[in-house]
Amino acid sequence: MKAFAALGPVLLLALAACPTASPNSPVVIMRTTITPSDTVRMGDSLKITTWLKNPEKEPLTMVFEDQCEVEQYVQTPDKTIVYPPGGGATCISVPTTVRVAAGDSVRFDAAWLPMSAVDGEFIAYGVLSQHQLTRGDRKPELKMGHRSNIAIFHVAPKP
């Protein structure tokens, strides 16, 4: 039982970073890609890109309570969050706004530097924070956070 109690804070961080909502909002499409796409070597950087696409025929405006609009995460094979460092994002409490034109997309980039090779599949994904969403001239709606697809990769030692 003590082992499970010690895992409590880790599990809370993992759940907060990976909302149970559907991977895509009914309004916004999220897609995360990584470079390199299959294996990153220790000491080399993994580039994580999350695209937010507006498939609607009218512009979208998203208002966030802080500067964590879209955050990227990396998890080890045992589900430990290794990026961002410490397992969670640190956001400045300043409201921000993201506008996406009809049919357009916006990009969010991050980079992670693996420090040790661990056998197994790592995953990377993006999380869209809770926000007020306005479509065209309609009244704002509260939208819960959700995550993108996952990108799977391996970490290998330097040759």
N, C-alpha and C. Protein backbone atom coordinates (compact mmCIF):
# COMPACT_ATOMS: atom_id res chain seq x y z
N MET A 1 0.81 -1.19 0.00
CA MET A 1 0.00 0.00 0.00
C MET A 1 0.86 1.26 0.00
N LYS A 2 1.99 1.24 0.71
CA LYS A 2 2.85 2.41 0.75
C LYS A 2 3.37 2.76 -0.63
N ALA A 3 3.63 1.73 -1.46
CA ALA A 3 4.12 1.98 -2.82
C ALA A 3 3.08 2.74 -3.62
N PHE A 4 1.81 2.38 -3.46
CA PHE A 4 0.75 3.09 -4.18
C PHE A 4 0.58 4.51 -3.68
N ALA A 5 0.71 4.72 -2.40
CA ALA A 5 0.59 6.07 -1.84
C ALA A 5 1.69 6.97 -2.37
N ALA A 6 2.90 6.43 -2.52
CA ALA A 6 4.01 7.22 -3.06
C ALA A 6 3.78 7.58 -4.52
N LEU A 7 3.04 6.77 -5.23
CA LEU A 7 2.75 7.04 -6.64
C LEU A 7 1.66 8.08 -6.82
N GLY A 8 0.94 8.43 -5.78
CA GLY A 8 -0.18 9.37 -5.89
C GLY A 8 0.14 10.63 -6.64
N PRO A 9 1.17 11.41 -6.25
CA PRO A 9 1.48 12.65 -6.96
C PRO A 9 1.86 12.41 -8.42
N VAL A 10 2.57 11.31 -8.71
CA VAL A 10 2.96 11.00 -10.08
C VAL A 10 1.73 10.71 -10.92
N LEU A 11 0.80 9.92 -10.37
CA LEU A 11 -0.42 9.60 -11.10
C LEU A 11 -1.26 10.84 -11.35
N LEU A 12 -1.33 11.73 -10.36
CA LEU A 12 -2.09 12.97 -10.55
C LEU A 12 -1.50 13.81 -11.67
N LEU A 13 -0.18 13.92 -11.72
CA LEU A 13 0.46 14.67 -12.80
C LEU A 13 0.19 14.02 -14.15
N ALA A 14 0.29 12.71 -14.22
CA ALA A 14 0.04 12.01 -15.48
C ALA A 14 -1.39 12.21 -15.94
N LEU A 15 -2.35 12.13 -15.02
CA LEU A 15 -3.74 12.34 -15.40
C LEU A 15 -4.01 13.78 -15.82
N ALA A 16 -3.38 14.72 -15.15
CA ALA A 16 -3.56 16.12 -15.52
C ALA A 16 -2.98 16.40 -16.89
N ALA A 17 -1.89 15.72 -17.22
CA ALA A 17 -1.23 15.96 -18.51
C ALA A 17 -1.94 15.24 -19.66
N CYS A 18 -2.78 14.28 -19.34
CA CYS A 18 -3.41 13.48 -20.39
C CYS A 18 -4.91 13.39 -20.11
N PRO A 19 -5.66 14.45 -20.39
CA PRO A 19 -7.08 14.45 -20.08
C PRO A 19 -7.80 13.25 -20.70
N THR A 20 -8.89 12.86 -20.08
CA THR A 20 -9.65 11.71 -20.57
C THR A 20 -10.60 12.10 -21.68
N ALA A 21 -10.69 13.36 -22.01
CA ALA A 21 -11.55 13.78 -23.11
C ALA A 21 -11.04 13.18 -24.41
N SER A 22 -11.88 13.21 -25.43
CA SER A 22 -11.50 12.63 -26.71
C SER A 22 -10.25 13.30 -27.25
N PRO A 23 -9.46 12.57 -28.07
CA PRO A 23 -8.24 13.15 -28.60
C PRO A 23 -8.46 14.39 -29.45
N ASN A 24 -9.61 14.56 -30.05
CA ASN A 24 -9.86 15.75 -30.84
C ASN A 24 -11.17 16.41 -30.42
N SER A 25 -11.14 17.73 -30.37
CA SER A 25 -12.31 18.52 -30.06
C SER A 25 -13.28 18.42 -31.22
N PRO A 26 -14.57 18.59 -31.01
CA PRO A 26 -15.50 18.61 -32.13
C PRO A 26 -15.25 19.80 -33.04
N VAL A 27 -14.50 20.78 -32.57
CA VAL A 27 -14.29 22.00 -33.35
C VAL A 27 -12.87 22.10 -33.90
N VAL A 28 -11.87 21.71 -33.11
CA VAL A 28 -10.47 21.87 -33.48
C VAL A 28 -9.84 20.48 -33.65
N ILE A 29 -9.02 20.33 -34.68
CA ILE A 29 -8.31 19.07 -34.89
C ILE A 29 -6.87 19.27 -34.44
N MET A 30 -6.37 18.36 -33.60
CA MET A 30 -4.98 18.43 -33.12
C MET A 30 -4.20 17.27 -33.70
N ARG A 31 -2.98 17.57 -34.14
CA ARG A 31 -2.10 16.52 -34.68
C ARG A 31 -0.68 16.78 -34.21
N THR A 32 -0.07 15.78 -33.58
CA THR A 32 1.31 15.91 -33.10
C THR A 32 2.22 15.05 -33.96
N THR A 33 3.34 15.64 -34.38
CA THR A 33 4.36 14.92 -35.13
C THR A 33 5.70 15.09 -34.42
N ILE A 34 6.63 14.19 -34.71
CA ILE A 34 7.96 14.27 -34.12
C ILE A 34 9.02 14.12 -35.20
N THR A 35 10.18 14.71 -34.95
CA THR A 35 11.33 14.58 -35.85
C THR A 35 12.56 14.35 -34.99
N PRO A 36 13.29 13.26 -35.19
CA PRO A 36 13.08 12.19 -36.15
C PRO A 36 11.83 11.37 -35.79
N SER A 37 11.29 10.68 -36.77
CA SER A 37 9.98 10.05 -36.59
C SER A 37 10.01 8.67 -35.94
N ASP A 38 11.19 8.04 -35.82
CA ASP A 38 11.17 6.70 -35.23
C ASP A 38 12.17 6.50 -34.09
N THR A 39 13.39 7.01 -34.22
CA THR A 39 14.41 6.83 -33.18
C THR A 39 15.17 8.13 -32.99
N VAL A 40 15.36 8.51 -31.73
CA VAL A 40 16.19 9.67 -31.41
C VAL A 40 17.38 9.14 -30.60
N ARG A 41 18.56 9.63 -30.91
CA ARG A 41 19.78 9.21 -30.22
C ARG A 41 20.01 10.09 -29.00
N MET A 42 20.58 9.50 -27.95
CA MET A 42 20.94 10.28 -26.76
C MET A 42 21.85 11.42 -27.20
N GLY A 43 21.57 12.60 -26.69
CA GLY A 43 22.36 13.78 -27.05
C GLY A 43 21.81 14.52 -28.24
N ASP A 44 20.90 13.90 -29.01
CA ASP A 44 20.24 14.59 -30.13
C ASP A 44 18.88 15.06 -29.66
N SER A 45 18.35 16.05 -30.32
CA SER A 45 17.08 16.65 -29.91
C SER A 45 15.91 16.04 -30.66
N LEU A 46 14.82 15.82 -29.95
CA LEU A 46 13.56 15.38 -30.55
C LEU A 46 12.69 16.62 -30.70
N LYS A 47 12.28 16.94 -31.91
CA LYS A 47 11.40 18.09 -32.15
C LYS A 47 9.95 17.60 -32.11
N ILE A 48 9.13 18.25 -31.30
CA ILE A 48 7.72 17.90 -31.15
C ILE A 48 6.91 19.07 -31.71
N THR A 49 6.04 18.78 -32.67
CA THR A 49 5.20 19.82 -33.26
C THR A 49 3.75 19.41 -33.13
N THR A 50 2.95 20.29 -32.57
CA THR A 50 1.50 20.06 -32.48
C THR A 50 0.80 21.12 -33.30
N TRP A 51 -0.01 20.65 -34.24
CA TRP A 51 -0.78 21.54 -35.11
C TRP A 51 -2.21 21.60 -34.60
N LEU A 52 -2.76 22.80 -34.52
CA LEU A 52 -4.17 23.02 -34.19
C LEU A 52 -4.84 23.48 -35.47
N LYS A 53 -5.74 22.68 -36.02
CA LYS A 53 -6.39 23.03 -37.28
C LYS A 53 -7.84 23.40 -37.05
N ASN A 54 -8.27 24.45 -37.73
CA ASN A 54 -9.66 24.89 -37.69
C ASN A 54 -10.34 24.39 -38.97
N PRO A 55 -11.14 23.31 -38.88
CA PRO A 55 -11.81 22.80 -40.07
C PRO A 55 -13.11 23.56 -40.39
N GLU A 56 -13.46 24.49 -39.53
CA GLU A 56 -14.72 25.24 -39.68
C GLU A 56 -14.64 26.24 -40.84
N LYS A 57 -15.80 26.76 -41.20
CA LYS A 57 -15.88 27.77 -42.27
C LYS A 57 -15.95 29.18 -41.72
N GLU A 58 -15.65 29.29 -40.43
CA GLU A 58 -15.60 30.60 -39.78
C GLU A 58 -14.40 30.62 -38.84
N PRO A 59 -13.87 31.80 -38.53
CA PRO A 59 -12.70 31.87 -37.66
C PRO A 59 -13.02 31.42 -36.24
N LEU A 60 -11.99 30.94 -35.55
CA LEU A 60 -12.12 30.54 -34.15
C LEU A 60 -11.20 31.41 -33.31
N THR A 61 -11.68 31.77 -32.11
CA THR A 61 -10.87 32.49 -31.15
C THR A 61 -10.90 31.69 -29.85
N MET A 62 -9.70 31.36 -29.36
CA MET A 62 -9.59 30.62 -28.11
C MET A 62 -8.91 31.52 -27.07
N VAL A 63 -9.56 31.70 -25.91
CA VAL A 63 -9.01 32.53 -24.84
C VAL A 63 -8.65 31.61 -23.68
N PHE A 64 -7.37 31.68 -23.25
CA PHE A 64 -6.84 30.84 -22.19
C PHE A 64 -6.58 31.68 -20.95
N GLU A 65 -6.70 31.08 -19.77
CA GLU A 65 -6.45 31.79 -18.51
C GLU A 65 -4.97 32.06 -18.29
N ASP A 66 -4.10 31.28 -18.94
CA ASP A 66 -2.66 31.47 -18.77
C ASP A 66 -1.95 31.20 -20.09
N GLN A 67 -0.63 31.16 -20.05
CA GLN A 67 0.13 30.99 -21.27
C GLN A 67 0.33 29.54 -21.69
N CYS A 68 -0.32 28.60 -21.01
CA CYS A 68 -0.28 27.19 -21.42
C CYS A 68 -1.42 26.94 -22.40
N GLU A 69 -1.20 27.28 -23.63
CA GLU A 69 -2.23 27.07 -24.66
C GLU A 69 -2.19 25.62 -25.12
N VAL A 70 -1.06 25.22 -25.69
CA VAL A 70 -0.82 23.83 -26.07
C VAL A 70 0.53 23.45 -25.49
N GLU A 71 0.55 22.41 -24.69
CA GLU A 71 1.79 21.92 -24.08
C GLU A 71 2.09 20.54 -24.65
N GLN A 72 3.38 20.29 -24.89
CA GLN A 72 3.80 18.98 -25.36
C GLN A 72 4.39 18.18 -24.21
N TYR A 73 4.17 16.85 -24.26
CA TYR A 73 4.64 15.94 -23.23
C TYR A 73 5.36 14.76 -23.86
N VAL A 74 6.35 14.21 -23.12
CA VAL A 74 7.04 12.97 -23.48
C VAL A 74 6.94 12.05 -22.29
N GLN A 75 6.55 10.79 -22.55
CA GLN A 75 6.45 9.78 -21.50
C GLN A 75 7.35 8.60 -21.84
N THR A 76 7.98 8.04 -20.80
CA THR A 76 8.81 6.85 -20.95
C THR A 76 7.91 5.62 -21.09
N PRO A 77 8.51 4.46 -21.40
CA PRO A 77 7.69 3.24 -21.49
C PRO A 77 6.93 2.91 -20.20
N ASP A 78 7.45 3.34 -19.02
CA ASP A 78 6.72 3.07 -17.77
C ASP A 78 5.75 4.21 -17.42
N LYS A 79 5.48 5.10 -18.38
CA LYS A 79 4.51 6.20 -18.26
C LYS A 79 4.98 7.37 -17.39
N THR A 80 6.28 7.45 -17.11
CA THR A 80 6.82 8.60 -16.39
C THR A 80 6.94 9.77 -17.35
N ILE A 81 6.44 10.93 -16.96
CA ILE A 81 6.56 12.11 -17.81
C ILE A 81 7.96 12.69 -17.61
N VAL A 82 8.74 12.73 -18.72
CA VAL A 82 10.10 13.27 -18.67
C VAL A 82 10.22 14.64 -19.33
N TYR A 83 9.20 15.03 -20.05
CA TYR A 83 9.15 16.38 -20.62
C TYR A 83 7.71 16.85 -20.55
N PRO A 84 7.46 18.02 -19.99
CA PRO A 84 8.41 18.99 -19.47
C PRO A 84 9.07 18.48 -18.18
N PRO A 85 10.27 19.02 -17.89
CA PRO A 85 10.98 18.58 -16.69
C PRO A 85 10.09 18.73 -15.45
N GLY A 86 10.13 17.73 -14.60
CA GLY A 86 9.31 17.76 -13.39
C GLY A 86 7.92 17.21 -13.61
N GLY A 87 7.57 16.87 -14.84
CA GLY A 87 6.29 16.23 -15.13
C GLY A 87 5.12 17.13 -15.41
N GLY A 88 5.27 18.43 -15.32
CA GLY A 88 4.15 19.31 -15.58
C GLY A 88 4.60 20.66 -16.08
N ALA A 89 3.72 21.31 -16.79
CA ALA A 89 4.02 22.63 -17.35
C ALA A 89 3.99 23.69 -16.26
N THR A 90 4.82 24.69 -16.42
CA THR A 90 4.80 25.86 -15.56
C THR A 90 4.32 27.02 -16.42
N CYS A 91 3.16 27.56 -16.09
CA CYS A 91 2.55 28.58 -16.94
C CYS A 91 2.45 29.91 -16.21
N ILE A 92 2.70 30.96 -16.94
CA ILE A 92 2.55 32.31 -16.39
C ILE A 92 1.06 32.65 -16.43
N SER A 93 0.53 33.13 -15.32
CA SER A 93 -0.90 33.43 -15.21
C SER A 93 -1.27 34.74 -15.88
N VAL A 94 -1.11 34.76 -17.18
CA VAL A 94 -1.49 35.92 -17.99
C VAL A 94 -2.40 35.40 -19.09
N PRO A 95 -3.63 35.92 -19.20
CA PRO A 95 -4.54 35.45 -20.24
C PRO A 95 -3.93 35.62 -21.64
N THR A 96 -4.14 34.61 -22.49
CA THR A 96 -3.66 34.67 -23.86
C THR A 96 -4.79 34.32 -24.82
N THR A 97 -4.62 34.71 -26.07
CA THR A 97 -5.63 34.46 -27.10
C THR A 97 -4.97 33.85 -28.32
N VAL A 98 -5.60 32.82 -28.87
CA VAL A 98 -5.14 32.22 -30.13
C VAL A 98 -6.30 32.33 -31.12
N ARG A 99 -5.99 32.90 -32.27
CA ARG A 99 -7.00 33.01 -33.34
C ARG A 99 -6.57 32.13 -34.49
N VAL A 100 -7.54 31.38 -35.04
CA VAL A 100 -7.26 30.50 -36.17
C VAL A 100 -8.29 30.80 -37.25
N ALA A 101 -7.81 31.25 -38.40
CA ALA A 101 -8.70 31.57 -39.52
C ALA A 101 -9.39 30.29 -40.01
N ALA A 102 -10.49 30.46 -40.70
CA ALA A 102 -11.24 29.33 -41.26
C ALA A 102 -10.32 28.50 -42.16
N GLY A 103 -10.28 27.18 -41.90
CA GLY A 103 -9.48 26.26 -42.70
C GLY A 103 -7.97 26.35 -42.47
N ASP A 104 -7.54 27.20 -41.56
CA ASP A 104 -6.11 27.40 -41.32
C ASP A 104 -5.66 26.61 -40.08
N SER A 105 -4.37 26.69 -39.77
CA SER A 105 -3.85 26.01 -38.59
C SER A 105 -2.76 26.86 -37.95
N VAL A 106 -2.49 26.57 -36.67
CA VAL A 106 -1.39 27.21 -35.95
C VAL A 106 -0.50 26.08 -35.42
N ARG A 107 0.77 26.40 -35.25
CA ARG A 107 1.76 25.40 -34.87
C ARG A 107 2.38 25.75 -33.52
N PHE A 108 2.59 24.71 -32.70
CA PHE A 108 3.27 24.83 -31.42
C PHE A 108 4.44 23.86 -31.44
N ASP A 109 5.65 24.37 -31.14
CA ASP A 109 6.86 23.55 -31.19
C ASP A 109 7.50 23.42 -29.82
N ALA A 110 8.14 22.29 -29.60
CA ALA A 110 8.94 22.06 -28.39
C ALA A 110 10.09 21.14 -28.79
N ALA A 111 11.09 21.07 -27.94
CA ALA A 111 12.22 20.16 -28.18
C ALA A 111 12.58 19.47 -26.88
N TRP A 112 12.94 18.19 -26.97
CA TRP A 112 13.34 17.40 -25.82
C TRP A 112 14.67 16.74 -26.11
N LEU A 113 15.57 16.75 -25.14
CA LEU A 113 16.89 16.16 -25.26
C LEU A 113 16.96 14.94 -24.35
N PRO A 114 16.96 13.71 -24.93
CA PRO A 114 17.03 12.52 -24.08
C PRO A 114 18.40 12.40 -23.42
N MET A 115 18.38 12.06 -22.15
CA MET A 115 19.63 11.97 -21.38
C MET A 115 20.07 10.52 -21.16
N SER A 116 19.17 9.56 -21.34
CA SER A 116 19.55 8.15 -21.19
C SER A 116 18.65 7.28 -22.05
N ALA A 117 19.21 6.20 -22.54
CA ALA A 117 18.43 5.27 -23.37
C ALA A 117 17.67 4.33 -22.44
N VAL A 118 16.40 4.17 -22.70
CA VAL A 118 15.54 3.25 -21.95
C VAL A 118 14.89 2.35 -23.00
N ASP A 119 14.92 1.06 -22.77
CA ASP A 119 14.35 0.13 -23.73
C ASP A 119 12.82 0.25 -23.74
N GLY A 120 12.24 0.38 -24.90
CA GLY A 120 10.79 0.42 -25.03
C GLY A 120 10.33 1.63 -25.81
N GLU A 121 9.02 1.71 -25.95
CA GLU A 121 8.41 2.78 -26.73
C GLU A 121 8.11 4.00 -25.87
N PHE A 122 8.63 5.14 -26.28
CA PHE A 122 8.30 6.42 -25.68
C PHE A 122 7.12 6.98 -26.46
N ILE A 123 6.37 7.90 -25.84
CA ILE A 123 5.30 8.57 -26.58
C ILE A 123 5.41 10.08 -26.37
N ALA A 124 4.98 10.81 -27.38
CA ALA A 124 4.89 12.27 -27.32
C ALA A 124 3.49 12.67 -27.76
N TYR A 125 2.95 13.71 -27.14
CA TYR A 125 1.63 14.19 -27.49
C TYR A 125 1.48 15.63 -27.06
N GLY A 126 0.46 16.30 -27.57
CA GLY A 126 0.15 17.67 -27.20
C GLY A 126 -1.16 17.73 -26.43
N VAL A 127 -1.26 18.71 -25.53
CA VAL A 127 -2.49 18.90 -24.75
C VAL A 127 -2.96 20.33 -24.95
N LEU A 128 -4.19 20.48 -25.38
CA LEU A 128 -4.84 21.79 -25.52
C LEU A 128 -5.50 22.10 -24.18
N SER A 129 -5.16 23.22 -23.58
CA SER A 129 -5.70 23.60 -22.27
C SER A 129 -7.17 24.00 -22.37
N GLN A 130 -7.84 23.97 -21.21
CA GLN A 130 -9.22 24.45 -21.14
C GLN A 130 -9.26 25.90 -21.63
N HIS A 131 -10.31 26.27 -22.36
CA HIS A 131 -10.36 27.61 -22.94
C HIS A 131 -11.80 28.02 -23.23
N GLN A 132 -11.98 29.30 -23.44
CA GLN A 132 -13.25 29.85 -23.94
C GLN A 132 -13.13 29.90 -25.46
N LEU A 133 -14.06 29.28 -26.16
CA LEU A 133 -14.01 29.21 -27.62
C LEU A 133 -15.12 30.05 -28.21
N THR A 134 -14.77 30.90 -29.17
CA THR A 134 -15.76 31.68 -29.89
C THR A 134 -15.64 31.32 -31.37
N ARG A 135 -16.76 30.95 -31.98
CA ARG A 135 -16.82 30.66 -33.41
C ARG A 135 -17.50 31.83 -34.10
N GLY A 136 -16.78 32.46 -35.02
CA GLY A 136 -17.35 33.60 -35.72
C GLY A 136 -17.83 34.65 -34.74
N ASP A 137 -19.11 35.02 -34.83
CA ASP A 137 -19.68 36.04 -33.95
C ASP A 137 -20.53 35.45 -32.82
N ARG A 138 -20.49 34.13 -32.65
CA ARG A 138 -21.31 33.49 -31.61
C ARG A 138 -20.78 33.77 -30.21
N LYS A 139 -21.61 33.45 -29.23
CA LYS A 139 -21.26 33.60 -27.81
C LYS A 139 -20.16 32.60 -27.43
N PRO A 140 -19.19 32.99 -26.58
CA PRO A 140 -18.12 32.07 -26.16
C PRO A 140 -18.66 30.84 -25.43
N GLU A 141 -18.01 29.69 -25.66
CA GLU A 141 -18.36 28.43 -24.99
C GLU A 141 -17.13 27.95 -24.24
N LEU A 142 -17.33 27.40 -23.03
CA LEU A 142 -16.22 26.81 -22.28
C LEU A 142 -15.93 25.44 -22.86
N LYS A 143 -14.68 25.20 -23.23
CA LYS A 143 -14.26 23.90 -23.77
C LYS A 143 -13.20 23.31 -22.85
N MET A 144 -13.38 22.06 -22.49
CA MET A 144 -12.42 21.38 -21.64
C MET A 144 -11.16 21.06 -22.44
N GLY A 145 -10.07 20.84 -21.73
CA GLY A 145 -8.83 20.47 -22.40
C GLY A 145 -8.93 19.09 -23.01
N HIS A 146 -8.12 18.84 -23.99
CA HIS A 146 -8.05 17.51 -24.60
C HIS A 146 -6.67 17.33 -25.21
N ARG A 147 -6.35 16.11 -25.62
CA ARG A 147 -5.02 15.84 -26.14
C ARG A 147 -5.06 15.42 -27.60
N SER A 148 -3.89 15.49 -28.20
CA SER A 148 -3.73 15.08 -29.59
C SER A 148 -3.53 13.57 -29.68
N ASN A 149 -3.25 13.13 -30.88
CA ASN A 149 -2.80 11.75 -31.10
C ASN A 149 -1.48 11.55 -30.35
N ILE A 150 -1.00 10.33 -30.28
CA ILE A 150 0.32 10.10 -29.71
C ILE A 150 1.27 9.73 -30.83
N ALA A 151 2.52 10.14 -30.68
CA ALA A 151 3.59 9.78 -31.61
C ALA A 151 4.53 8.85 -30.85
N ILE A 152 4.82 7.70 -31.42
CA ILE A 152 5.63 6.67 -30.76
C ILE A 152 7.05 6.69 -31.33
N PHE A 153 8.04 6.58 -30.43
CA PHE A 153 9.44 6.56 -30.87
C PHE A 153 10.29 5.81 -29.86
N HIS A 154 11.54 5.57 -30.20
CA HIS A 154 12.52 4.90 -29.34
C HIS A 154 13.69 5.83 -29.08
N VAL A 155 14.37 5.63 -27.96
CA VAL A 155 15.60 6.35 -27.65
C VAL A 155 16.74 5.34 -27.73
N ALA A 156 17.79 5.71 -28.47
CA ALA A 156 18.93 4.80 -28.64
C ALA A 156 20.21 5.48 -28.18
N PRO A 157 21.20 4.68 -27.76
CA PRO A 157 22.48 5.28 -27.38
C PRO A 157 23.18 5.88 -28.59
N LYS A 158 24.08 6.79 -28.35
CA LYS A 158 24.88 7.39 -29.41
C LYS A 158 25.76 6.30 -30.03
N PRO A 159 25.86 6.22 -31.37
CA PRO A 159 26.69 5.16 -31.99
C PRO A 159 28.17 5.36 -31.72
